[in-house]
Amino acid sequence: KIEIEKMTSTKIRNFYFQRSVEKLKKIKFLLSKFFYSSPIYGKLNFDEISSFKELIIPNLWNGDVEKIKIFLKDKSHNNSNLKNPFFFYYHSFDFLNDLKEINNEKLRIYGREKTSVWIKKNNSWKSRLWDDFMLASRVCNWIQNYNLFFSTSDEEFKKKLFNSILKQAEHLVKNFSNQKRNSDLIRIIKALIYISIFISNKNYYYQIAIFNLKSELTNQILKDGCHFQRNPGIHIQVLKDLLDIRTVLNSAKKNVFFDLQNAIKNMSIAYRFFLHKDNSLANFNGANNIDEKEIKNIISEIPKPIKSPRELHEGGFQRVDVKDTILIADCGIPKNYDATYKAHSCSTAFELSYKKKKIIINSLPSLNENMNKATAAHSTLTLNNTNSYKILKNNHLSRVPDNLKVKRVERYGANIIEIENYGYKNQYDAIHKRLIYIDKEGLDIRGEDNIYCPMEIDFDIRFFLDMGLKTLVTNSGKNILLRLANNSGWKFSSSLDSLDIISNRNLNINKQPITNEHILLNGKTKELITVIKWAFKKY
């Protein structure tokens, strides 16, 4: 079976118009900040407390007991230091979802007290703490956990809580036109739905939210169910938000419209596409730090497809699942400027696992996000130590080609994937073509990196190894033996005269040391075409 995507002339997209529009929005927001920070703001239309419904909203997600125990020991989480690992966890009140797992009356009172202190200190607009995504998360967590933490509190506390919710909700609505059209907007829409159902006279929030939700489902959820930002971690975040929205609509006996049901169904199928056999998530565009318990929790809430798809054509991913081996390859590009938000400067990378152990990972987990976005931080080719796509300061990308050529051939049980990437076309007039062959047993994986370049420049090809692997260089530096944690052995070889194992020592986001290794193939391009062959074979 052969699938070919026809090539058209390649254009490099710098998104100048979209970036100009974003700059205008930023100027508008900066001007608004003067109003938001004034004493007048927050006192308009907020003096009246509305009646509210004590509606029990089912919480689908299990908490993380270990995380909340660490949090309770930490005494610095209530400050405004962005570098604090618990900054978002505390100020978004995500900790309430974990605190509920410990059935303790004192801790319920603790959650109420933390809420009261936060409202007292932060009841007026502050740029960091009233960030729209954080604000929406906080309101959702307060409402979702209302029955457990706040329903038995006195009327004075309830009045303060709902006045704060109303004030923050009005800010979301006033700032809605400034929102970026990405995954964060789904969380903001979810918050407006929660508020409209929980507070009696805010039905117009519901109209705003449902109208925009229908629009964003069309724009953000691709036909194959993949979220348009192509990040499995963000895919999970959006899927969870949509499941929560469906749950609250059912609880309030509201219409769960077809587009929402269909999006959840398609995203559930695409979600399983990114899972290895140990149920760990593939790491593309920064999808790391996803807890194993969270993944199992989501699996329990979504239907299991009859068969996992072999590709996400719209999302730009290929999957080969042969007996005990899984290979997931990134064969796509961001569809538009909004889709580049938080994306990495990378394509043609892949992950490889055998049974329940990973061999090749796309990039290092738990690193600083800015460091992890670079092309060199991924299992792919880098030319002249530069990024294939330009990384902008606003968390977006530019210099992105408008297409990639992808071809897949399946014959006698074996698979060949061919990816042609134009990320370096604008800089060096270079084209990178990667071919990956997987035999019918999944025990012989061979690859070729072909570089079409009219000049002599440095190239580096990296394969990041899972942290559980042990390595041994043999055959005078020409082969590397890989020993997995399940004691299975693999051999890596290449067409180059020598190869290197590079040890990476870094600090993770919690400032804890982590060590990881990657295989490095490097050299200089030759005239017109340079071919580098490599292979992973089980022995």
Protein backbone atom coordinates (compact mmCIF):
# COMPACT_ATOMS: atom_id res chain seq x y z
CA LYS A 1 0.00 0.00 0.00
CA ILE A 2 1.46 3.35 -1.03
CA GLU A 3 0.42 6.81 0.08
CA ILE A 4 1.94 9.82 -1.62
CA GLU A 5 1.38 13.46 -0.79
CA LYS A 6 1.95 15.50 -3.95
CA MET A 7 4.38 18.38 -3.71
CA THR A 8 3.60 21.92 -4.68
CA SER A 9 6.05 24.78 -4.73
CA THR A 10 7.34 25.42 -1.23
CA LYS A 11 6.85 28.79 0.40
CA ILE A 12 8.56 29.90 3.60
CA ARG A 13 6.11 31.54 5.97
CA ASN A 14 7.32 34.34 8.21
CA PHE A 15 3.79 35.35 9.30
CA TYR A 16 4.55 39.08 9.08
CA PHE A 17 0.88 40.10 8.94
CA GLN A 18 -0.13 37.93 11.93
CA ARG A 19 2.83 39.20 13.93
CA SER A 20 1.84 42.79 13.17
CA VAL A 21 -1.72 42.13 14.35
CA GLU A 22 -0.34 40.57 17.53
CA LYS A 23 1.84 43.63 18.16
CA LEU A 24 -1.23 45.87 17.86
CA LYS A 25 -3.06 43.66 20.36
CA LYS A 26 -0.09 43.86 22.68
CA ILE A 27 -0.09 47.67 22.49
CA LYS A 28 -3.83 47.64 23.21
CA PHE A 29 -3.26 45.38 26.21
CA LEU A 30 -0.42 47.56 27.53
CA LEU A 31 -2.74 50.56 27.38
CA SER A 32 -5.44 48.52 29.11
CA LYS A 33 -3.02 47.66 31.92
CA PHE A 34 -3.14 51.26 33.13
CA PHE A 35 -6.91 50.95 33.44
CA TYR A 36 -6.78 47.46 34.97
CA SER A 37 -4.34 48.60 37.67
CA SER A 38 -6.31 51.74 38.55
CA PRO A 39 -8.44 51.87 41.73
CA ILE A 40 -11.53 52.39 39.56
CA TYR A 41 -11.20 49.03 37.82
CA GLY A 42 -12.81 46.26 39.81
CA LYS A 43 -15.36 48.54 41.45
CA LEU A 44 -17.54 48.77 38.35
CA ASN A 45 -20.65 46.56 38.44
CA PHE A 46 -19.18 44.24 41.08
CA ASP A 47 -20.91 45.42 44.25
CA GLU A 48 -23.97 43.20 43.91
CA ILE A 49 -23.68 39.54 44.81
CA SER A 50 -25.79 37.34 42.57
CA SER A 51 -27.65 34.26 43.69
CA PHE A 52 -25.82 31.05 42.92
CA LYS A 53 -26.64 27.38 42.50
CA GLU A 54 -24.89 24.86 44.72
CA LEU A 55 -24.57 22.47 41.81
CA ILE A 56 -22.36 19.45 42.35
CA ILE A 57 -19.99 19.15 39.40
CA PRO A 58 -18.43 15.66 39.18
CA ASN A 59 -14.63 15.77 39.19
CA LEU A 60 -13.38 13.19 36.71
CA TRP A 61 -9.72 13.39 37.66
CA ASN A 62 -7.89 11.66 40.48
CA GLY A 63 -5.47 13.78 42.49
CA ASP A 64 -1.74 13.31 42.99
CA VAL A 65 -1.20 12.51 46.67
CA GLU A 66 2.60 12.60 46.47
CA LYS A 67 2.61 16.03 44.85
CA ILE A 68 0.29 17.57 47.43
CA LYS A 69 2.42 16.18 50.26
CA ILE A 70 5.52 17.90 48.79
CA PHE A 71 3.49 21.09 48.32
CA LEU A 72 2.28 21.11 51.93
CA LYS A 73 5.90 20.95 53.14
CA ASP A 74 6.93 23.87 50.92
CA LYS A 75 6.51 27.27 52.58
CA SER A 76 7.44 29.53 49.65
CA HIS A 77 4.65 28.68 47.23
CA ASN A 78 2.42 31.65 48.08
CA ASN A 79 4.81 34.24 46.65
CA SER A 80 4.81 35.73 43.15
CA ASN A 81 8.11 34.21 42.00
CA LEU A 82 7.51 32.79 38.52
CA LYS A 83 10.51 30.46 38.92
CA ASN A 84 8.96 28.71 41.91
CA PRO A 85 7.94 25.20 40.70
CA PHE A 86 4.65 25.56 42.60
CA PHE A 87 3.83 29.05 41.28
CA PHE A 88 1.07 28.00 38.89
CA TYR A 89 0.01 25.06 41.06
CA TYR A 90 -0.74 27.43 43.96
CA HIS A 91 -2.12 30.53 42.23
CA SER A 92 -4.35 28.48 39.90
CA PHE A 93 -5.55 26.45 42.92
CA ASP A 94 -4.77 23.22 41.08
CA PHE A 95 -3.65 21.96 44.49
CA LEU A 96 -7.31 21.66 45.53
CA ASN A 97 -7.72 18.77 43.07
CA ASP A 98 -4.93 16.87 44.83
CA LEU A 99 -5.92 17.96 48.34
CA LYS A 100 -9.35 16.32 47.94
CA GLU A 101 -7.66 12.92 47.71
CA ILE A 102 -6.69 13.19 51.38
CA ASN A 103 -9.94 12.78 53.30
CA ASN A 104 -9.09 15.11 56.17
CA GLU A 105 -11.30 17.85 57.64
CA LYS A 106 -8.29 19.95 58.66
CA LEU A 107 -7.03 19.98 55.08
CA ARG A 108 -10.44 21.04 53.80
CA ILE A 109 -10.27 23.97 56.19
CA TYR A 110 -6.70 24.57 55.01
CA GLY A 111 -7.95 24.84 51.41
CA ARG A 112 -10.60 27.33 52.49
CA GLU A 113 -8.09 29.39 54.45
CA LYS A 114 -5.67 29.50 51.51
CA THR A 115 -8.52 30.72 49.32
CA SER A 116 -9.48 33.42 51.82
CA VAL A 117 -5.89 34.65 52.13
CA TRP A 118 -5.43 34.71 48.35
CA ILE A 119 -8.61 36.74 47.80
CA LYS A 120 -7.59 39.24 50.47
CA LYS A 121 -4.14 39.77 48.93
CA ASN A 122 -5.09 39.61 45.26
CA ASN A 123 -8.62 40.91 44.92
CA SER A 124 -7.55 43.55 42.41
CA TRP A 125 -5.86 43.03 39.04
CA LYS A 126 -2.21 41.91 39.01
CA SER A 127 -0.55 41.08 35.72
CA ARG A 128 1.06 37.80 36.79
CA LEU A 129 -1.72 36.43 38.95
CA TRP A 130 -4.58 37.60 36.75
CA ASP A 131 -3.07 36.08 33.62
CA ASP A 132 -6.10 34.88 31.67
CA PHE A 133 -5.19 31.18 31.57
CA MET A 134 -4.24 31.12 35.26
CA LEU A 135 -7.34 33.09 36.18
CA ALA A 136 -9.61 30.73 34.23
CA SER A 137 -7.94 27.70 35.85
CA ARG A 138 -8.39 29.22 39.30
CA VAL A 139 -12.10 29.93 38.80
CA CYS A 140 -12.69 26.42 37.42
CA ASN A 141 -10.93 24.85 40.41
CA TRP A 142 -12.89 26.92 42.93
CA ILE A 143 -16.22 26.01 41.32
CA GLN A 144 -15.35 22.37 40.65
CA ASN A 145 -14.29 21.88 44.28
CA TYR A 146 -16.95 24.10 45.81
CA ASN A 147 -18.98 21.30 47.35
CA LEU A 148 -15.99 19.78 49.15
CA PHE A 149 -14.16 22.89 50.35
CA PHE A 150 -16.61 25.81 50.48
CA SER A 151 -20.25 24.65 50.76
CA THR A 152 -20.14 24.45 54.57
CA SER A 153 -18.43 27.83 55.04
CA ASP A 154 -20.26 30.86 56.48
CA GLU A 155 -22.23 33.29 54.30
CA GLU A 156 -19.61 36.03 54.65
CA PHE A 157 -16.92 33.81 53.12
CA LYS A 158 -19.23 32.70 50.32
CA LYS A 159 -19.97 36.33 49.51
CA LYS A 160 -16.24 37.14 49.28
CA LEU A 161 -15.62 34.06 47.14
CA PHE A 162 -18.37 34.81 44.64
CA ASN A 163 -17.56 38.51 44.47
CA SER A 164 -13.99 37.50 43.58
CA ILE A 165 -15.22 35.01 40.97
CA LEU A 166 -17.48 37.65 39.42
CA LYS A 167 -14.71 40.23 39.35
CA GLN A 168 -12.32 37.84 37.65
CA ALA A 169 -15.01 36.66 35.23
CA GLU A 170 -15.80 40.20 34.13
CA HIS A 171 -12.10 40.72 33.49
CA LEU A 172 -12.04 37.62 31.27
CA VAL A 173 -14.98 38.94 29.26
CA LYS A 174 -13.52 42.44 28.93
CA ASN A 175 -10.18 41.03 27.76
CA PHE A 176 -11.69 38.33 25.52
CA SER A 177 -10.89 40.12 22.25
CA ASN A 178 -7.18 40.12 23.17
CA GLN A 179 -7.02 36.35 23.57
CA LYS A 180 -4.76 34.26 21.37
CA ARG A 181 -6.68 31.61 19.46
CA ASN A 182 -4.93 28.57 20.93
CA SER A 183 -5.40 25.90 23.58
CA ASP A 184 -5.49 28.46 26.41
CA LEU A 185 -8.73 29.85 25.00
CA ILE A 186 -10.49 26.50 25.57
CA ARG A 187 -9.75 26.79 29.31
CA ILE A 188 -11.11 30.37 29.33
CA ILE A 189 -14.28 29.21 27.57
CA LYS A 190 -14.62 26.40 30.11
CA ALA A 191 -14.41 28.93 32.95
CA LEU A 192 -17.18 31.08 31.43
CA ILE A 193 -19.42 27.99 31.06
CA TYR A 194 -18.82 27.04 34.70
CA ILE A 195 -19.65 30.56 35.90
CA SER A 196 -22.76 30.87 33.71
CA ILE A 197 -24.17 27.66 35.15
CA PHE A 198 -23.12 28.32 38.75
CA ILE A 199 -24.24 31.96 38.99
CA SER A 200 -27.86 32.61 38.09
CA ASN A 201 -27.85 35.93 36.22
CA LYS A 202 -24.76 35.32 34.05
CA ASN A 203 -26.44 33.46 31.23
CA TYR A 204 -24.87 35.78 28.65
CA TYR A 205 -21.49 34.25 29.60
CA TYR A 206 -22.95 30.96 28.39
CA GLN A 207 -23.88 32.46 25.02
CA ILE A 208 -20.40 33.94 24.57
CA ALA A 209 -18.73 30.68 25.62
CA ILE A 210 -20.77 28.27 23.47
CA PHE A 211 -20.50 30.48 20.37
CA ASN A 212 -16.71 30.67 20.71
CA LEU A 213 -16.37 27.00 21.67
CA LYS A 214 -18.05 25.91 18.43
CA SER A 215 -15.71 28.19 16.47
CA GLU A 216 -12.57 26.97 18.27
CA LEU A 217 -13.47 23.30 17.88
CA THR A 218 -13.54 23.89 14.12
CA ASN A 219 -10.27 25.82 14.14
CA GLN A 220 -8.24 23.84 16.68
CA ILE A 221 -9.32 20.20 16.33
CA LEU A 222 -8.11 18.81 13.02
CA LYS A 223 -10.14 16.28 11.04
CA ASP A 224 -8.05 13.37 12.36
CA GLY A 225 -8.62 14.48 15.97
CA CYS A 226 -5.14 15.90 16.52
CA HIS A 227 -4.98 19.29 18.24
CA PHE A 228 -3.55 21.84 15.83
CA GLN A 229 -0.59 22.75 18.09
CA ARG A 230 0.73 19.19 17.55
CA ASN A 231 1.79 18.79 21.18
CA PRO A 232 0.49 15.61 22.91
CA GLY A 233 0.65 17.38 26.30
CA ILE A 234 -1.53 20.25 25.07
CA HIS A 235 -3.74 17.65 23.36
CA ILE A 236 -4.34 16.10 26.81
CA GLN A 237 -5.06 19.49 28.39
CA VAL A 238 -7.68 20.35 25.75
CA LEU A 239 -9.24 16.87 25.83
CA LYS A 240 -9.61 17.07 29.62
CA ASP A 241 -11.20 20.53 29.34
CA LEU A 242 -13.69 19.26 26.75
CA LEU A 243 -14.56 16.26 28.93
CA ASP A 244 -15.12 18.64 31.87
CA ILE A 245 -17.34 20.86 29.72
CA ARG A 246 -19.41 17.86 28.64
CA THR A 247 -19.73 16.76 32.27
CA VAL A 248 -20.96 20.14 33.53
CA LEU A 249 -23.39 20.48 30.63
CA ASN A 250 -24.84 17.06 31.48
CA SER A 251 -25.04 17.96 35.18
CA ALA A 252 -26.90 21.18 34.37
CA LYS A 253 -29.12 19.35 31.82
CA LYS A 254 -27.81 21.53 29.00
CA ASN A 255 -27.48 20.44 25.40
CA VAL A 256 -24.25 18.58 24.62
CA PHE A 257 -24.05 19.52 20.96
CA PHE A 258 -22.76 17.21 18.24
CA ASP A 259 -19.52 19.10 17.49
CA LEU A 260 -18.42 18.73 21.12
CA GLN A 261 -19.19 15.01 21.22
CA ASN A 262 -17.44 14.47 17.90
CA ALA A 263 -14.35 16.44 18.98
CA ILE A 264 -14.04 14.33 22.15
CA LYS A 265 -14.41 11.11 20.14
CA ASN A 266 -11.79 12.08 17.54
CA MET A 267 -9.35 13.50 20.10
CA SER A 268 -9.63 10.30 22.16
CA ILE A 269 -8.52 8.24 19.15
CA ALA A 270 -5.67 10.64 18.37
CA TYR A 271 -4.61 10.64 22.02
CA ARG A 272 -4.02 6.88 22.00
CA PHE A 273 -1.95 7.31 18.82
CA PHE A 274 0.77 9.02 20.92
CA LEU A 275 1.03 6.26 23.55
CA HIS A 276 3.88 3.77 23.73
CA LYS A 277 3.26 0.24 25.05
CA ASP A 278 3.99 1.32 28.63
CA ASN A 279 1.28 4.01 28.24
CA SER A 280 3.89 6.77 28.36
CA LEU A 281 3.30 9.73 26.09
CA ALA A 282 5.42 10.58 23.07
CA ASN A 283 7.26 13.87 23.54
CA PHE A 284 6.70 16.20 20.59
CA ASN A 285 6.76 19.99 20.83
CA GLY A 286 7.35 19.90 24.57
CA ALA A 287 4.90 17.25 25.81
CA ASN A 288 6.81 16.28 28.95
CA ASN A 289 6.10 16.04 32.67
CA ILE A 290 2.82 14.19 32.07
CA ASP A 291 2.28 11.98 35.08
CA GLU A 292 1.66 8.26 34.44
CA LYS A 293 -1.33 8.33 36.81
CA GLU A 294 -2.85 11.20 34.83
CA ILE A 295 -2.52 9.22 31.60
CA LYS A 296 -4.23 6.18 33.14
CA ASN A 297 -6.97 8.47 34.50
CA ILE A 298 -7.67 9.85 31.01
CA ILE A 299 -7.67 6.37 29.45
CA SER A 300 -10.41 5.36 31.90
CA GLU A 301 -12.60 8.28 30.74
CA ILE A 302 -12.36 7.81 26.96
CA PRO A 303 -13.57 5.01 24.70
CA LYS A 304 -11.06 2.52 23.37
CA PRO A 305 -10.93 2.46 19.57
CA ILE A 306 -11.17 -0.85 17.72
CA LYS A 307 -7.84 -0.09 16.08
CA SER A 308 -5.33 2.73 16.57
CA PRO A 309 -4.68 4.79 13.43
CA ARG A 310 -1.39 4.31 11.56
CA GLU A 311 -1.15 8.03 10.81
CA LEU A 312 -2.52 11.42 11.75
CA HIS A 313 -2.51 12.89 8.27
CA GLU A 314 -3.75 16.36 9.24
CA GLY A 315 -1.59 16.49 12.37
CA GLY A 316 1.48 15.26 10.53
CA PHE A 317 2.51 12.09 12.39
CA GLN A 318 3.22 8.50 11.33
CA ARG A 319 3.06 5.46 13.62
CA VAL A 320 4.49 2.00 12.98
CA ASP A 321 3.32 -0.63 15.47
CA VAL A 322 4.98 -3.96 14.64
CA LYS A 323 4.76 -6.72 17.27
CA ASP A 324 6.81 -5.42 20.25
CA THR A 325 8.18 -2.30 18.53
CA ILE A 326 6.60 1.14 18.16
CA LEU A 327 8.01 4.03 16.13
CA ILE A 328 6.26 7.43 16.09
CA ALA A 329 7.61 10.00 13.64
CA ASP A 330 6.98 13.75 13.35
CA CYS A 331 6.21 14.41 9.67
CA GLY A 332 4.32 17.67 9.99
CA ILE A 333 4.47 21.43 10.28
CA PRO A 334 2.29 24.03 12.04
CA LYS A 335 -0.81 24.73 9.96
CA ASN A 336 -0.86 28.46 10.69
CA TYR A 337 0.62 31.14 12.95
CA ASP A 338 -1.62 30.32 15.92
CA ALA A 339 -0.50 26.68 15.70
CA THR A 340 3.15 27.71 16.20
CA TYR A 341 2.43 28.86 19.77
CA LYS A 342 4.76 26.94 22.13
CA ALA A 343 5.90 24.76 19.20
CA HIS A 344 9.49 23.55 18.84
CA SER A 345 11.88 24.21 15.96
CA CYS A 346 11.84 20.62 14.80
CA SER A 347 10.50 18.09 12.33
CA THR A 348 11.48 14.60 11.03
CA ALA A 349 12.30 13.52 14.62
CA PHE A 350 11.01 10.20 15.97
CA GLU A 351 10.62 8.07 19.09
CA LEU A 352 11.33 4.34 19.25
CA SER A 353 10.31 1.85 21.93
CA TYR A 354 10.55 -1.92 22.37
CA LYS A 355 8.03 -3.74 24.56
CA LYS A 356 7.55 -1.37 27.48
CA LYS A 357 10.91 0.41 27.28
CA LYS A 358 11.90 3.40 25.18
CA ILE A 359 15.08 3.43 23.14
CA ILE A 360 15.01 6.78 21.33
CA ILE A 361 13.19 9.80 22.74
CA ASN A 362 12.52 12.95 20.76
CA SER A 363 14.00 15.35 23.31
CA LEU A 364 15.10 15.56 26.93
CA PRO A 365 12.31 15.77 29.50
CA SER A 366 12.07 18.36 32.29
CA LEU A 367 14.47 20.88 30.75
CA ASN A 368 14.00 24.63 30.54
CA GLU A 369 11.43 25.19 27.79
CA ASN A 370 13.51 27.75 25.89
CA MET A 371 16.45 25.33 25.77
CA ASN A 372 14.23 22.48 24.68
CA LYS A 373 12.77 24.34 21.68
CA ALA A 374 16.06 24.36 19.76
CA THR A 375 16.49 21.96 16.82
CA ALA A 376 19.67 20.60 18.43
CA ALA A 377 17.63 19.42 21.42
CA HIS A 378 15.79 16.84 19.27
CA SER A 379 16.48 13.50 17.58
CA THR A 380 16.96 14.97 14.13
CA LEU A 381 19.40 16.81 11.86
CA THR A 382 20.88 20.23 12.63
CA LEU A 383 22.76 22.29 10.02
CA ASN A 384 25.48 24.75 10.99
CA ASN A 385 24.29 24.64 14.62
CA THR A 386 21.22 26.72 13.75
CA ASN A 387 17.49 26.19 14.19
CA SER A 388 15.48 24.93 11.23
CA TYR A 389 12.62 27.30 12.16
CA LYS A 390 13.17 30.69 13.74
CA ILE A 391 12.11 30.85 17.39
CA LEU A 392 10.43 34.17 18.23
CA LYS A 393 10.43 35.86 21.62
CA ASN A 394 6.63 35.67 21.82
CA ASN A 395 6.62 31.82 21.97
CA HIS A 396 5.81 31.48 18.26
CA LEU A 397 7.81 30.34 15.22
CA SER A 398 8.56 31.90 11.85
CA ARG A 399 10.52 30.85 8.74
CA VAL A 400 8.25 27.79 8.53
CA PRO A 401 7.72 26.01 5.18
CA ASP A 402 4.12 25.67 4.09
CA ASN A 403 4.43 21.91 3.45
CA LEU A 404 6.51 18.76 3.82
CA LYS A 405 6.64 15.87 1.41
CA VAL A 406 5.69 12.60 3.10
CA LYS A 407 5.59 9.15 1.51
CA ARG A 408 4.89 5.83 3.20
CA VAL A 409 5.22 2.38 1.67
CA GLU A 410 4.07 -0.87 3.29
CA ARG A 411 5.22 -4.08 1.64
CA TYR A 412 5.31 -7.66 2.99
CA GLY A 413 4.86 -6.36 6.53
CA ALA A 414 7.78 -3.94 6.34
CA ASN A 415 7.36 -0.13 6.40
CA ILE A 416 9.31 2.69 4.76
CA ILE A 417 8.66 6.33 5.73
CA GLU A 418 10.18 9.11 3.65
CA ILE A 419 10.08 12.73 4.90
CA GLU A 420 11.36 15.71 2.94
CA ASN A 421 11.84 18.81 5.09
CA TYR A 422 12.46 22.35 3.83
CA GLY A 423 13.25 23.99 7.17
CA TYR A 424 16.75 24.99 6.03
CA LYS A 425 15.73 26.03 2.50
CA ASN A 426 15.61 29.72 3.30
CA GLN A 427 18.97 29.81 5.13
CA TYR A 428 21.21 27.50 3.13
CA ASP A 429 19.09 26.47 0.13
CA ALA A 430 19.23 23.01 1.72
CA ILE A 431 16.72 20.14 1.78
CA HIS A 432 16.76 17.35 4.36
CA LYS A 433 15.27 14.01 3.38
CA ARG A 434 14.97 11.32 6.06
CA LEU A 435 14.09 7.72 5.22
CA ILE A 436 13.21 5.19 7.93
CA TYR A 437 12.81 1.44 7.28
CA ILE A 438 11.23 -0.96 9.84
CA ASP A 439 11.19 -4.68 9.07
CA LYS A 440 8.13 -6.89 9.62
CA GLU A 441 9.43 -8.13 12.99
CA GLY A 442 10.22 -4.64 14.27
CA LEU A 443 13.78 -5.68 15.12
CA ASP A 444 15.67 -4.02 12.26
CA ILE A 445 15.31 -0.25 11.95
CA ARG A 446 17.44 1.46 9.33
CA GLY A 447 17.63 5.08 8.30
CA GLU A 448 19.13 7.51 5.86
CA ASP A 449 19.60 11.26 6.23
CA ASN A 450 20.13 12.83 2.82
CA ILE A 451 21.27 16.45 2.77
CA TYR A 452 20.92 18.36 -0.50
CA CYS A 453 23.04 21.48 -0.03
CA PRO A 454 25.06 23.59 -2.53
CA MET A 455 27.68 24.59 0.06
CA GLU A 456 29.95 22.96 2.62
CA ILE A 457 28.56 23.40 6.14
CA ASP A 458 28.62 21.45 9.41
CA PHE A 459 25.89 18.91 10.14
CA ASP A 460 24.94 17.14 13.37
CA ILE A 461 22.53 14.23 13.70
CA ARG A 462 21.42 13.40 17.22
CA PHE A 463 19.54 10.46 18.71
CA PHE A 464 18.55 11.11 22.32
CA LEU A 465 18.54 7.93 24.42
CA ASP A 466 16.09 7.07 27.15
CA MET A 467 17.54 7.61 30.61
CA GLY A 468 17.15 3.94 31.52
CA LEU A 469 19.61 2.79 28.83
CA LYS A 470 23.20 1.63 29.33
CA THR A 471 25.66 2.19 26.47
CA LEU A 472 28.98 0.70 25.36
CA VAL A 473 31.04 1.90 22.38
CA THR A 474 32.61 -1.01 20.41
CA ASN A 475 34.44 -1.76 17.15
CA SER A 476 36.86 1.15 17.52
CA GLY A 477 34.08 3.68 17.90
CA LYS A 478 31.97 2.47 14.97
CA ASN A 479 29.19 0.69 16.92
CA ILE A 480 27.27 1.32 20.12
CA LEU A 481 25.64 -1.43 22.18
CA LEU A 482 22.45 -0.39 23.96
CA ARG A 483 21.15 -2.31 26.97
CA LEU A 484 17.53 -1.60 27.93
CA ALA A 485 16.17 -1.84 31.46
CA ASN A 486 14.38 -5.08 30.47
CA ASN A 487 17.83 -6.50 29.50
CA SER A 488 17.14 -6.61 25.77
CA GLY A 489 20.12 -5.56 23.65
CA TRP A 490 20.30 -3.35 20.56
CA LYS A 491 23.20 -2.31 18.36
CA PHE A 492 23.57 1.08 16.68
CA SER A 493 25.83 1.56 13.68
CA SER A 494 26.34 4.17 10.97
CA SER A 495 28.09 4.74 7.66
CA LEU A 496 30.45 7.31 9.23
CA ASP A 497 33.97 6.36 10.29
CA SER A 498 33.19 7.15 13.92
CA LEU A 499 30.42 8.23 16.21
CA ASP A 500 30.19 9.73 19.70
CA ILE A 501 28.17 9.27 22.85
CA ILE A 502 27.56 12.67 24.44
CA SER A 503 26.56 12.92 28.08
CA ASN A 504 24.09 15.70 28.88
CA ARG A 505 24.14 17.03 32.43
CA ASN A 506 21.46 19.59 33.18
CA LEU A 507 19.14 20.81 35.88
CA ASN A 508 15.45 20.06 35.51
CA ILE A 509 12.69 22.58 36.26
CA ASN A 510 12.92 21.62 39.96
CA LYS A 511 16.69 22.35 39.90
CA GLN A 512 17.50 18.68 40.34
CA PRO A 513 20.44 17.25 38.31
CA ILE A 514 19.54 14.95 35.44
CA THR A 515 21.92 13.00 33.20
CA ASN A 516 21.10 11.72 29.76
CA GLU A 517 23.08 10.55 26.74
CA HIS A 518 22.68 11.01 23.02
CA ILE A 519 24.35 9.52 19.97
CA LEU A 520 26.03 12.16 17.81
CA LEU A 521 26.89 11.81 14.13
CA ASN A 522 28.64 14.85 12.68
CA GLY A 523 30.67 16.05 9.72
CA LYS A 524 30.55 18.44 6.79
CA THR A 525 28.23 18.37 3.80
CA LYS A 526 29.66 17.49 0.41
CA GLU A 527 28.82 19.04 -2.92
CA LEU A 528 25.13 18.67 -3.82
CA ILE A 529 24.25 15.58 -1.72
CA THR A 530 25.51 14.03 1.50
CA VAL A 531 24.16 10.63 2.59
CA ILE A 532 24.44 9.36 6.18
CA LYS A 533 23.17 5.86 6.89
CA TRP A 534 22.42 4.47 10.34
CA ALA A 535 20.70 1.44 11.91
CA PHE A 536 19.26 0.09 15.17
CA LYS A 537 19.21 -3.72 15.29
CA LYS A 538 18.24 -6.05 18.09
CA TYR A 539 20.80 -8.72 18.95
